[in-house]
Protein backbone atom coordinates (compact mmCIF):
# COMPACT_ATOMS: atom_id res chain seq x y z
CA UNK A 1 0.06 0.28 -0.18
CA UNK A 2 1.67 3.35 -1.07
CA UNK A 3 0.99 6.26 0.89
CA UNK A 4 -0.21 9.13 -0.51
CA UNK A 5 2.05 12.61 -1.49
CA UNK A 6 1.63 15.71 0.62
CA UNK A 7 2.45 17.59 -2.75
CA UNK A 8 -0.45 18.85 -5.02
CA UNK A 9 -0.87 21.69 -7.39
CA UNK A 10 -3.91 22.58 -8.75
CA UNK A 11 -4.34 25.60 -11.31
CA UNK A 12 -7.71 26.87 -12.59
CA UNK A 13 -8.95 29.77 -15.34
CA UNK A 14 -11.98 31.82 -15.47
CA UNK A 15 -15.50 30.61 -15.52
CA UNK A 16 -17.59 30.83 -18.92
CA UNK A 17 -20.66 29.23 -16.59
CA UNK A 18 -20.33 31.35 -13.42
CA UNK A 19 -20.48 34.56 -15.69
CA UNK A 20 -23.60 33.46 -17.30
CA UNK A 21 -24.94 32.51 -13.53
CA UNK A 22 -23.96 35.99 -12.05
CA UNK A 23 -25.23 37.82 -14.65
CA UNK A 24 -28.84 36.18 -14.81
CA UNK A 25 -28.98 36.95 -11.69
CA UNK A 26 -27.82 40.08 -11.83
CA UNK A 27 -30.23 40.79 -14.33
CA UNK A 28 -33.04 39.38 -11.94
CA UNK A 29 -31.98 41.97 -9.02
CA UNK A 30 -32.06 44.50 -11.38
CA UNK A 31 -35.42 43.91 -12.64
CA UNK A 32 -37.17 43.41 -9.00
CA UNK A 33 -35.27 46.16 -7.81
CA UNK A 34 -36.83 48.50 -10.81
CA UNK A 35 -40.34 46.64 -10.57
CA UNK A 36 -40.61 47.41 -6.89
CA UNK A 37 -42.24 50.52 -5.02
CA UNK A 38 -39.10 51.86 -4.14
CA UNK A 39 -38.63 55.39 -4.34
CA UNK A 40 -36.59 55.97 -7.74
CA UNK A 41 -33.30 57.27 -5.96
CA UNK A 42 -33.45 53.74 -3.63
CA UNK A 43 -33.86 52.24 -7.19
CA UNK A 44 -30.88 54.34 -8.28
CA UNK A 45 -28.79 53.78 -5.37
CA UNK A 46 -29.38 49.51 -5.48
CA UNK A 47 -28.52 49.67 -9.38
CA UNK A 48 -25.42 51.05 -8.12
CA UNK A 49 -24.59 49.15 -5.75
CA UNK A 50 -25.09 46.41 -8.33
CA UNK A 51 -23.20 47.44 -10.79
CA UNK A 52 -20.15 47.82 -8.05
CA UNK A 53 -20.61 44.77 -7.30
CA UNK A 54 -20.38 43.09 -10.69
CA UNK A 55 -17.22 45.65 -11.51
CA UNK A 56 -15.42 44.08 -8.55
CA UNK A 57 -17.03 40.98 -8.22
CA UNK A 58 -16.43 39.71 -12.25
CA UNK A 59 -12.69 39.93 -12.51
CA UNK A 60 -11.30 38.98 -8.82
CA UNK A 61 -13.85 36.03 -8.45
CA UNK A 62 -15.62 34.71 -11.69
CA UNK A 63 -13.43 35.44 -15.01
CA UNK A 64 -9.72 35.58 -12.65
CA UNK A 65 -8.30 38.63 -14.99
CA UNK A 66 -7.24 40.64 -12.29
CA UNK A 67 -3.82 40.03 -10.27
CA UNK A 68 -5.50 39.52 -6.82
CA UNK A 69 -7.27 36.88 -8.51
CA UNK A 70 -7.38 33.55 -6.48
CA UNK A 71 -5.81 30.89 -8.97
CA UNK A 72 -4.28 27.91 -7.94
CA UNK A 73 -3.98 25.87 -5.32
CA UNK A 74 -1.07 23.94 -3.62
CA UNK A 75 -0.12 21.40 -1.01
CA UNK A 76 3.41 20.86 0.09
CA UNK A 77 4.92 20.57 3.63
CA UNK A 78 4.80 23.94 4.66
CA UNK A 79 1.01 23.33 4.33
CA UNK A 80 -2.04 25.01 2.11
CA UNK A 81 -1.04 27.77 -0.12
CA UNK A 82 -3.25 30.12 -2.75
CA UNK A 83 -1.40 31.47 -5.36
CA UNK A 84 -2.15 35.11 -7.01
CA UNK A 85 0.04 36.89 -9.91
CA UNK A 86 0.14 40.10 -7.80
CA UNK A 87 1.29 38.00 -4.66
CA UNK A 88 2.57 34.87 -5.68
CA UNK A 89 2.57 31.52 -3.54
CA UNK A 90 0.58 32.89 -0.01
CA UNK A 91 0.33 30.37 3.01
CA UNK A 92 -3.47 29.75 4.44
CA UNK A 93 -5.83 27.77 5.78
CA UNK A 94 -8.67 26.14 4.89
CA UNK A 95 -11.98 26.37 6.50
CA UNK A 96 -14.27 23.50 7.14
CA UNK A 97 -16.77 25.08 5.33
CA UNK A 98 -14.78 24.04 2.04
CA UNK A 99 -17.35 22.19 -0.24
CA UNK A 100 -16.26 19.49 -2.78
CA UNK A 101 -19.01 18.49 -5.11
CA UNK A 102 -19.39 16.96 -8.56
CA UNK A 103 -20.20 20.20 -10.71
CA UNK A 104 -18.11 22.80 -7.93
CA UNK A 105 -15.71 23.30 -5.57
CA UNK A 106 -16.29 26.46 -3.20
CA UNK A 107 -12.70 26.85 -1.29
CA UNK A 108 -13.36 28.58 1.77
CA UNK A 109 -9.76 29.75 3.62
CA UNK A 110 -8.33 32.45 5.69
CA UNK A 111 -4.72 33.67 4.77
CA UNK A 112 -1.50 33.97 7.04
CA UNK A 113 -2.41 37.27 9.15
CA UNK A 114 -5.75 37.95 8.80
CA UNK A 115 -8.78 37.40 11.19
CA UNK A 116 -11.89 37.29 7.93
CA UNK A 117 -12.15 34.22 5.25
CA UNK A 118 -11.98 34.49 2.03
CA UNK A 119 -13.87 31.69 -1.14
CA UNK A 120 -13.77 30.83 -3.92
CA UNK A 121 -15.54 28.90 -6.67
CA UNK A 122 -14.24 26.39 -8.88
CA UNK A 123 -17.04 25.14 -11.37
CA UNK A 124 -16.45 21.92 -13.72
CA UNK A 125 -15.76 24.50 -16.77
CA UNK A 126 -12.46 25.67 -14.95
CA UNK A 127 -10.56 22.59 -14.91
CA UNK A 128 -10.49 19.69 -16.72
CA UNK A 129 -12.66 17.11 -15.74
CA UNK A 130 -9.41 14.27 -14.31
CA UNK A 131 -8.26 17.92 -12.81
CA UNK A 132 -11.57 18.52 -10.77
CA UNK A 133 -12.00 15.00 -10.02
CA UNK A 134 -8.13 15.57 -8.19
CA UNK A 135 -8.89 18.88 -6.35
CA UNK A 136 -11.93 17.26 -4.94
CA UNK A 137 -10.65 14.28 -3.88
CA UNK A 138 -7.84 15.94 -2.02
CA UNK A 139 -9.92 18.63 -0.38
CA UNK A 140 -12.35 15.65 0.84
CA UNK A 141 -9.40 13.08 2.33
CA UNK A 142 -6.03 15.06 2.72
CA UNK A 143 -4.92 14.83 6.18
CA UNK A 144 -4.43 17.65 8.57
CA UNK A 145 -6.48 19.81 5.58
CA UNK A 146 -7.51 22.11 8.92
CA UNK A 147 -4.07 22.27 10.39
CA UNK A 148 -3.33 26.01 11.12
CA UNK A 149 -0.89 28.21 9.15
CA UNK A 150 2.55 27.49 10.16
CA UNK A 151 1.38 24.52 12.31
CA UNK A 152 2.39 21.42 9.79
CA UNK A 153 6.74 21.23 9.88
CA UNK A 154 7.95 18.61 7.43
């Protein structure tokens, strides 16, 4: 019986499927705001907030074109790390509410030195089928996946 390797790396790209779902929800939300009985100024503020969120979320979380977008996950002897073009590999602690489903992986993590968690959705069309399966399996069955950053030493 062989022991599993401590090294794992996965990189993904932006998702057109996630973009379609996000834009559909945005259109429905804007339609609901404009047909509601809200005053015009409140509808305008809600529309501006919705557009601002889209301008922030689409490059950072969906299409992954922003330099700070998380585009990779690595497991090595030092623990889990996420990759961004702007900062390279950064140590993280995976959160227990990460989810690995056949159609998508919702990766929840906290970067070293921060309090608030972050998330990244990796749908099936962001990776090849085999690579997506390997990511799901590694997240479900990895030893010490919830360990603190820096707590794992070779």
